[in-house]
Amino acid sequence: MQRYIIILICLIGSSVIFYLLSKILKRLKIKNANYLGLLTSIIFFITTIMFSFLYFEPHNNITLKYTPPKIIDGKIEKGKFK
């Protein structure tokens, strides 16, 4: 659920940046206002997605060791994480 909220916030943020930047650049009469707004909003979307996933995703369980299930005397012994 947290991933979907992050993606939604990034989409809304990039849309707001595109809208505001397009309006500002059109008032300043700069050519390619839509192109620059789109490019900036895509760059904002990608960087916020990267940093938010790197910040919020748990990455502390790298050292877990897994013992698979074994058959001992015809019975299955459960696997374990250590």
PDB file of N, CA and C in Angstrom:
ATOM      1  N   MET A   1       0.826  -1.190   0.000  1.00  0.00           N
ATOM      2  CA  MET A   1       0.000   0.000   0.000  1.00  0.00           C
ATOM      3  C   MET A   1       0.868   1.251   0.000  1.00  0.00           C
ATOM      4  N   GLN A   2       1.989   1.160   0.707  1.00  0.00           N
ATOM      5  CA  GLN A   2       2.875   2.307   0.797  1.00  0.00           C
ATOM      6  C   GLN A   2       3.447   2.659  -0.578  1.00  0.00           C
ATOM      7  N   ARG A   3       3.727   1.662  -1.396  1.00  0.00           N
ATOM      8  CA  ARG A   3       4.254   1.924  -2.739  1.00  0.00           C
ATOM      9  C   ARG A   3       3.257   2.698  -3.589  1.00  0.00           C
ATOM     10  N   TYR A   4       1.998   2.328  -3.489  1.00  0.00           N
ATOM     11  CA  TYR A   4       0.977   3.014  -4.289  1.00  0.00           C
ATOM     12  C   TYR A   4       0.808   4.469  -3.846  1.00  0.00           C
ATOM     13  N   ILE A   5       0.924   4.716  -2.553  1.00  0.00           N
ATOM     14  CA  ILE A   5       0.830   6.090  -2.061  1.00  0.00           C
ATOM     15  C   ILE A   5       2.013   6.913  -2.555  1.00  0.00           C
ATOM     16  N   ILE A   6       3.207   6.326  -2.551  1.00  0.00           N
ATOM     17  CA  ILE A   6       4.393   7.026  -3.048  1.00  0.00           C
ATOM     18  C   ILE A   6       4.237   7.353  -4.528  1.00  0.00           C
ATOM     19  N   ILE A   7       3.768   6.392  -5.308  1.00  0.00           N
ATOM     20  CA  ILE A   7       3.585   6.625  -6.742  1.00  0.00           C
ATOM     21  C   ILE A   7       2.527   7.692  -6.979  1.00  0.00           C
ATOM     22  N   LEU A   8       1.446   7.667  -6.209  1.00  0.00           N
ATOM     23  CA  LEU A   8       0.389   8.671  -6.350  1.00  0.00           C
ATOM     24  C   LEU A   8       0.908  10.068  -6.009  1.00  0.00           C
ATOM     25  N   ILE A   9       1.665  10.188  -4.941  1.00  0.00           N
ATOM     26  CA  ILE A   9       2.224  11.486  -4.567  1.00  0.00           C
ATOM     27  C   ILE A   9       3.187  11.988  -5.643  1.00  0.00           C
ATOM     28  N   CYS A  10       3.997  11.103  -6.198  1.00  0.00           N
ATOM     29  CA  CYS A  10       4.925  11.509  -7.259  1.00  0.00           C
ATOM     30  C   CYS A  10       4.178  11.939  -8.515  1.00  0.00           C
ATOM     31  N   LEU A  11       3.103  11.245  -8.864  1.00  0.00           N
ATOM     32  CA  LEU A  11       2.311  11.631 -10.031  1.00  0.00           C
ATOM     33  C   LEU A  11       1.644  12.988  -9.830  1.00  0.00           C
ATOM     34  N   ILE A  12       1.084  13.202  -8.654  1.00  0.00           N
ATOM     35  CA  ILE A  12       0.436  14.486  -8.376  1.00  0.00           C
ATOM     36  C   ILE A  12       1.475  15.608  -8.369  1.00  0.00           C
ATOM     37  N   GLY A  13       2.616  15.362  -7.743  1.00  0.00           N
ATOM     38  CA  GLY A  13       3.675  16.373  -7.702  1.00  0.00           C
ATOM     39  C   GLY A  13       4.194  16.727  -9.074  1.00  0.00           C
ATOM     40  N   SER A  14       4.427  15.725  -9.917  1.00  0.00           N
ATOM     41  CA  SER A  14       4.922  16.020 -11.257  1.00  0.00           C
ATOM     42  C   SER A  14       3.862  16.717 -12.105  1.00  0.00           C
ATOM     43  N   SER A  15       2.594  16.403 -11.892  1.00  0.00           N
ATOM     44  CA  SER A  15       1.527  17.097 -12.618  1.00  0.00           C
ATOM     45  C   SER A  15       1.443  18.566 -12.216  1.00  0.00           C
ATOM     46  N   VAL A  16       1.576  18.832 -10.930  1.00  0.00           N
ATOM     47  CA  VAL A  16       1.554  20.217 -10.452  1.00  0.00           C
ATOM     48  C   VAL A  16       2.750  20.990 -10.999  1.00  0.00           C
ATOM     49  N   ILE A  17       3.927  20.373 -10.989  1.00  0.00           N
ATOM     50  CA  ILE A  17       5.110  21.029 -11.530  1.00  0.00           C
ATOM     51  C   ILE A  17       4.943  21.308 -13.016  1.00  0.00           C
ATOM     52  N   PHE A  18       4.404  20.356 -13.766  1.00  0.00           N
ATOM     53  CA  PHE A  18       4.182  20.566 -15.197  1.00  0.00           C
ATOM     54  C   PHE A  18       3.232  21.735 -15.431  1.00  0.00           C
ATOM     55  N   TYR A  19       2.141  21.775 -14.699  1.00  0.00           N
ATOM     56  CA  TYR A  19       1.150  22.832 -14.880  1.00  0.00           C
ATOM     57  C   TYR A  19       1.736  24.204 -14.548  1.00  0.00           C
ATOM     58  N   LEU A  20       2.370  24.310 -13.377  1.00  0.00           N
ATOM     59  CA  LEU A  20       2.918  25.596 -12.967  1.00  0.00           C
ATOM     60  C   LEU A  20       4.044  26.066 -13.884  1.00  0.00           C
ATOM     61  N   LEU A  21       4.927  25.160 -14.251  1.00  0.00           N
ATOM     62  CA  LEU A  21       6.038  25.534 -15.114  1.00  0.00           C
ATOM     63  C   LEU A  21       5.556  25.923 -16.505  1.00  0.00           C
ATOM     64  N   SER A  22       4.550  25.235 -17.016  1.00  0.00           N
ATOM     65  CA  SER A  22       4.002  25.594 -18.327  1.00  0.00           C
ATOM     66  C   SER A  22       3.387  26.985 -18.297  1.00  0.00           C
ATOM     67  N   LYS A  23       2.634  27.290 -17.251  1.00  0.00           N
ATOM     68  CA  LYS A  23       2.032  28.619 -17.131  1.00  0.00           C
ATOM     69  C   LYS A  23       3.095  29.712 -17.008  1.00  0.00           C
ATOM     70  N   ILE A  24       4.105  29.476 -16.195  1.00  0.00           N
ATOM     71  CA  ILE A  24       5.154  30.482 -15.997  1.00  0.00           C
ATOM     72  C   ILE A  24       5.923  30.712 -17.291  1.00  0.00           C
ATOM     73  N   LEU A  25       6.282  29.627 -17.977  1.00  0.00           N
ATOM     74  CA  LEU A  25       7.061  29.770 -19.206  1.00  0.00           C
ATOM     75  C   LEU A  25       6.237  30.401 -20.329  1.00  0.00           C
ATOM     76  N   LYS A  26       4.945  30.153 -20.368  1.00  0.00           N
ATOM     77  CA  LYS A  26       4.107  30.791 -21.381  1.00  0.00           C
ATOM     78  C   LYS A  26       3.963  32.283 -21.107  1.00  0.00           C
ATOM     79  N   ARG A  27       3.913  32.666 -19.838  1.00  0.00           N
ATOM     80  CA  ARG A  27       3.850  34.099 -19.507  1.00  0.00           C
ATOM     81  C   ARG A  27       5.136  34.804 -19.884  1.00  0.00           C
ATOM     82  N   LEU A  28       6.242  34.098 -19.730  1.00  0.00           N
ATOM     83  CA  LEU A  28       7.533  34.676 -20.103  1.00  0.00           C
ATOM     84  C   LEU A  28       7.794  34.582 -21.601  1.00  0.00           C
ATOM     85  N   LYS A  29       6.864  33.959 -22.321  1.00  0.00           N
ATOM     86  CA  LYS A  29       6.926  33.796 -23.779  1.00  0.00           C
ATOM     87  C   LYS A  29       8.191  33.058 -24.219  1.00  0.00           C
ATOM     88  N   ILE A  30       8.464  31.990 -23.542  1.00  0.00           N
ATOM     89  CA  ILE A  30       9.602  31.141 -23.888  1.00  0.00           C
ATOM     90  C   ILE A  30       9.098  30.033 -24.799  1.00  0.00           C
ATOM     91  N   LYS A  31       9.832  29.795 -25.873  1.00  0.00           N
ATOM     92  CA  LYS A  31       9.455  28.742 -26.807  1.00  0.00           C
ATOM     93  C   LYS A  31       9.612  27.374 -26.136  1.00  0.00           C
ATOM     94  N   ASN A  32       8.883  26.411 -26.615  1.00  0.00           N
ATOM     95  CA  ASN A  32       8.918  25.030 -26.106  1.00  0.00           C
ATOM     96  C   ASN A  32       8.548  24.954 -24.627  1.00  0.00           C
ATOM     97  N   ALA A  33       7.573  25.722 -24.200  1.00  0.00           N
ATOM     98  CA  ALA A  33       7.162  25.717 -22.798  1.00  0.00           C
ATOM     99  C   ALA A  33       6.613  24.358 -22.390  1.00  0.00           C
ATOM    100  N   ASN A  34       5.826  23.742 -23.258  1.00  0.00           N
ATOM    101  CA  ASN A  34       5.267  22.421 -22.924  1.00  0.00           C
ATOM    102  C   ASN A  34       6.364  21.364 -22.854  1.00  0.00           C
ATOM    103  N   TYR A  35       7.314  21.443 -23.773  1.00  0.00           N
ATOM    104  CA  TYR A  35       8.411  20.474 -23.783  1.00  0.00           C
ATOM    105  C   TYR A  35       9.252  20.597 -22.511  1.00  0.00           C
ATOM    106  N   LEU A  36       9.606  21.812 -22.134  1.00  0.00           N
ATOM    107  CA  LEU A  36      10.406  22.004 -20.926  1.00  0.00           C
ATOM    108  C   LEU A  36       9.633  21.596 -19.674  1.00  0.00           C
ATOM    109  N   GLY A  37       8.340  21.896 -19.639  1.00  0.00           N
ATOM    110  CA  GLY A  37       7.525  21.484 -18.500  1.00  0.00           C
ATOM    111  C   GLY A  37       7.421  19.974 -18.387  1.00  0.00           C
ATOM    112  N   LEU A  38       7.235  19.310 -19.527  1.00  0.00           N
ATOM    113  CA  LEU A  38       7.149  17.848 -19.538  1.00  0.00           C
ATOM    114  C   LEU A  38       8.469  17.219 -19.125  1.00  0.00           C
ATOM    115  N   LEU A  39       9.556  17.734 -19.662  1.00  0.00           N
ATOM    116  CA  LEU A  39      10.872  17.200 -19.325  1.00  0.00           C
ATOM    117  C   LEU A  39      11.175  17.363 -17.833  1.00  0.00           C
ATOM    118  N   THR A  40      10.882  18.524 -17.292  1.00  0.00           N
ATOM    119  CA  THR A  40      11.120  18.776 -15.871  1.00  0.00           C
ATOM    120  C   THR A  40      10.244  17.897 -14.990  1.00  0.00           C
ATOM    121  N   SER A  41       8.990  17.720 -15.371  1.00  0.00           N
ATOM    122  CA  SER A  41       8.104  16.889 -14.550  1.00  0.00           C
ATOM    123  C   SER A  41       8.501  15.419 -14.600  1.00  0.00           C
ATOM    124  N   ILE A  42       8.985  14.944 -15.736  1.00  0.00           N
ATOM    125  CA  ILE A  42       9.450  13.551 -15.824  1.00  0.00           C
ATOM    126  C   ILE A  42      10.697  13.355 -14.970  1.00  0.00           C
ATOM    127  N   ILE A  43      11.611  14.309 -15.028  1.00  0.00           N
ATOM    128  CA  ILE A  43      12.819  14.215 -14.201  1.00  0.00           C
ATOM    129  C   ILE A  43      12.446  14.240 -12.720  1.00  0.00           C
ATOM    130  N   PHE A  44      11.511  15.106 -12.330  1.00  0.00           N
ATOM    131  CA  PHE A  44      11.044  15.155 -10.935  1.00  0.00           C
ATOM    132  C   PHE A  44      10.421  13.826 -10.529  1.00  0.00           C
ATOM    133  N   PHE A  45       9.582  13.249 -11.388  1.00  0.00           N
ATOM    134  CA  PHE A  45       8.912  11.984 -11.086  1.00  0.00           C
ATOM    135  C   PHE A  45       9.930  10.867 -10.863  1.00  0.00           C
ATOM    136  N   ILE A  46      10.896  10.754 -11.752  1.00  0.00           N
ATOM    137  CA  ILE A  46      11.880   9.676 -11.658  1.00  0.00           C
ATOM    138  C   ILE A  46      12.744   9.828 -10.405  1.00  0.00           C
ATOM    139  N   THR A  47      13.202  11.049 -10.126  1.00  0.00           N
ATOM    140  CA  THR A  47      14.066  11.223  -8.957  1.00  0.00           C
ATOM    141  C   THR A  47      13.307  11.019  -7.649  1.00  0.00           C
ATOM    142  N   THR A  48      12.069  11.492  -7.562  1.00  0.00           N
ATOM    143  CA  THR A  48      11.318  11.281  -6.321  1.00  0.00           C
ATOM    144  C   THR A  48      10.966   9.815  -6.124  1.00  0.00           C
ATOM    145  N   ILE A  49      10.645   9.102  -7.188  1.00  0.00           N
ATOM    146  CA  ILE A  49      10.384   7.656  -7.082  1.00  0.00           C
ATOM    147  C   ILE A  49      11.642   6.943  -6.578  1.00  0.00           C
ATOM    148  N   MET A  50      12.794   7.258  -7.184  1.00  0.00           N
ATOM    149  CA  MET A  50      14.033   6.586  -6.772  1.00  0.00           C
ATOM    150  C   MET A  50      14.356   6.844  -5.309  1.00  0.00           C
ATOM    151  N   PHE A  51      14.357   8.113  -4.909  1.00  0.00           N
ATOM    152  CA  PHE A  51      14.736   8.426  -3.534  1.00  0.00           C
ATOM    153  C   PHE A  51      13.713   7.914  -2.521  1.00  0.00           C
ATOM    154  N   SER A  52      12.438   7.973  -2.850  1.00  0.00           N
ATOM    155  CA  SER A  52      11.448   7.500  -1.884  1.00  0.00           C
ATOM    156  C   SER A  52      11.491   5.981  -1.737  1.00  0.00           C
ATOM    157  N   PHE A  53      11.694   5.247  -2.822  1.00  0.00           N
ATOM    158  CA  PHE A  53      11.803   3.798  -2.686  1.00  0.00           C
ATOM    159  C   PHE A  53      13.079   3.409  -1.957  1.00  0.00           C
ATOM    160  N   LEU A  54      14.161   4.103  -2.225  1.00  0.00           N
ATOM    161  CA  LEU A  54      15.397   3.788  -1.512  1.00  0.00           C
ATOM    162  C   LEU A  54      15.288   4.138  -0.029  1.00  0.00           C
ATOM    163  N   TYR A  55      14.533   5.173   0.290  1.00  0.00           N
ATOM    164  CA  TYR A  55      14.404   5.591   1.684  1.00  0.00           C
ATOM    165  C   TYR A  55      13.415   4.726   2.461  1.00  0.00           C
ATOM    166  N   PHE A  56      12.282   4.386   1.851  1.00  0.00           N
ATOM    167  CA  PHE A  56      11.218   3.703   2.577  1.00  0.00           C
ATOM    168  C   PHE A  56      11.267   2.181   2.514  1.00  0.00           C
ATOM    169  N   GLU A  57      11.918   1.610   1.538  1.00  0.00           N
ATOM    170  CA  GLU A  57      11.945   0.156   1.426  1.00  0.00           C
ATOM    171  C   GLU A  57      12.871  -0.438   2.482  1.00  0.00           C
ATOM    172  N   PRO A  58      12.419  -1.482   3.154  1.00  0.00           N
ATOM    173  CA  PRO A  58      13.296  -2.106   4.161  1.00  0.00           C
ATOM    174  C   PRO A  58      14.428  -2.864   3.482  1.00  0.00           C
ATOM    175  N   HIS A  59      15.616  -2.646   3.952  1.00  0.00           N
ATOM    176  CA  HIS A  59      16.770  -3.334   3.389  1.00  0.00           C
ATOM    177  C   HIS A  59      17.690  -3.830   4.506  1.00  0.00           C
ATOM    178  N   ASN A  60      17.088  -4.169   5.628  1.00  0.00           N
ATOM    179  CA  ASN A  60      17.880  -4.640   6.750  1.00  0.00           C
ATOM    180  C   ASN A  60      17.836  -6.161   6.923  1.00  0.00           C
ATOM    181  N   ASN A  61      17.152  -6.882   6.062  1.00  0.00           N
ATOM    182  CA  ASN A  61      17.035  -8.335   6.205  1.00  0.00           C
ATOM    183  C   ASN A  61      17.897  -9.073   5.187  1.00  0.00           C
ATOM    184  N   ILE A  62      19.021  -8.501   4.831  1.00  0.00           N
ATOM    185  CA  ILE A  62      19.893  -9.115   3.844  1.00  0.00           C
ATOM    186  C   ILE A  62      20.635 -10.311   4.437  1.00  0.00           C
ATOM    187  N   THR A  63      20.885 -10.307   5.712  1.00  0.00           N
ATOM    188  CA  THR A  63      21.713 -11.342   6.331  1.00  0.00           C
ATOM    189  C   THR A  63      20.911 -12.577   6.757  1.00  0.00           C
ATOM    190  N   LEU A  64      19.658 -12.685   6.373  1.00  0.00           N
ATOM    191  CA  LEU A  64      18.869 -13.854   6.753  1.00  0.00           C
ATOM    192  C   LEU A  64      19.384 -15.097   6.037  1.00  0.00           C
ATOM    193  N   LYS A  65      19.454 -16.188   6.774  1.00  0.00           N
ATOM    194  CA  LYS A  65      19.851 -17.465   6.177  1.00  0.00           C
ATOM    195  C   LYS A  65      18.659 -18.405   6.252  1.00  0.00           C
ATOM    196  N   TYR A  66      18.415 -19.092   5.170  1.00  0.00           N
ATOM    197  CA  TYR A  66      17.262 -19.967   5.071  1.00  0.00           C
ATOM    198  C   TYR A  66      17.718 -21.414   5.059  1.00  0.00           C
ATOM    199  N   THR A  67      17.067 -22.226   5.895  1.00  0.00           N
ATOM    200  CA  THR A  67      17.292 -23.662   5.896  1.00  0.00           C
ATOM    201  C   THR A  67      16.050 -24.306   5.277  1.00  0.00           C
ATOM    202  N   PRO A  68      16.195 -24.963   4.144  1.00  0.00           N
ATOM    203  CA  PRO A  68      15.013 -25.533   3.489  1.00  0.00           C
ATOM    204  C   PRO A  68      14.441 -26.713   4.273  1.00  0.00           C
ATOM    205  N   PRO A  69      13.191 -27.077   4.001  1.00  0.00           N
ATOM    206  CA  PRO A  69      12.592 -28.236   4.674  1.00  0.00           C
ATOM    207  C   PRO A  69      13.360 -29.517   4.348  1.00  0.00           C
ATOM    208  N   LYS A  70      13.400 -30.413   5.322  1.00  0.00           N
ATOM    209  CA  LYS A  70      14.107 -31.692   5.145  1.00  0.00           C
ATOM    210  C   LYS A  70      13.174 -32.845   5.475  1.00  0.00           C
ATOM    211  N   ILE A  71      13.435 -33.976   4.880  1.00  0.00           N
ATOM    212  CA  ILE A  71      12.683 -35.188   5.195  1.00  0.00           C
ATOM    213  C   ILE A  71      13.566 -36.045   6.113  1.00  0.00           C
ATOM    214  N   ILE A  72      13.099 -36.217   7.351  1.00  0.00           N
ATOM    215  CA  ILE A  72      13.828 -37.024   8.329  1.00  0.00           C
ATOM    216  C   ILE A  72      12.886 -38.105   8.832  1.00  0.00           C
ATOM    217  N   ASP A  73      13.272 -39.383   8.628  1.00  0.00           N
ATOM    218  CA  ASP A  73      12.481 -40.547   9.033  1.00  0.00           C
ATOM    219  C   ASP A  73      11.070 -40.490   8.448  1.00  0.00           C
ATOM    220  N   GLY A  74      10.927 -40.051   7.230  1.00  0.00           N
ATOM    221  CA  GLY A  74       9.627 -40.012   6.576  1.00  0.00           C
ATOM    222  C   GLY A  74       8.744 -38.832   6.988  1.00  0.00           C
ATOM    223  N   LYS A  75       9.254 -37.961   7.841  1.00  0.00           N
ATOM    224  CA  LYS A  75       8.502 -36.780   8.267  1.00  0.00           C
ATOM    225  C   LYS A  75       9.187 -35.529   7.746  1.00  0.00           C
ATOM    226  N   ILE A  76       8.377 -34.529   7.444  1.00  0.00           N
ATOM    227  CA  ILE A  76       8.930 -33.284   6.913  1.00  0.00           C
ATOM    228  C   ILE A  76       9.215 -32.330   8.052  1.00  0.00           C
ATOM    229  N   GLU A  77      10.476 -31.908   8.141  1.00  0.00           N
ATOM    230  CA  GLU A  77      10.867 -30.903   9.124  1.00  0.00           C
ATOM    231  C   GLU A  77      10.790 -29.543   8.451  1.00  0.00           C
ATOM    232  N   LYS A  78      10.168 -28.591   9.111  1.00  0.00           N
ATOM    233  CA  LYS A  78       9.956 -27.277   8.516  1.00  0.00           C
ATOM    234  C   LYS A  78      11.281 -26.546   8.257  1.00  0.00           C
ATOM    235  N   GLY A  79      11.239 -25.675   7.251  1.00  0.00           N
ATOM    236  CA  GLY A  79      12.375 -24.806   6.987  1.00  0.00           C
ATOM    237  C   GLY A  79      12.401 -23.656   7.961  1.00  0.00           C
ATOM    238  N   LYS A  80      13.559 -23.016   8.098  1.00  0.00           N
ATOM    239  CA  LYS A  80      13.725 -21.934   9.082  1.00  0.00           C
ATOM    240  C   LYS A  80      14.502 -20.785   8.471  1.00  0.00           C
ATOM    241  N   PHE A  81      14.187 -19.585   8.982  1.00  0.00           N
ATOM    242  CA  PHE A  81      15.017 -18.414   8.715  1.00  0.00           C
ATOM    243  C   PHE A  81      15.822 -18.137   9.981  1.00  0.00           C
ATOM    244  N   LYS A  82      17.124 -17.932   9.830  1.00  0.00           N
ATOM    245  CA  LYS A  82      17.967 -17.641  11.009  1.00  0.00           C
ATOM    246  C   LYS A  82      18.390 -16.199  10.963  1.00  0.00           C
TER     247      LYS A  82
END
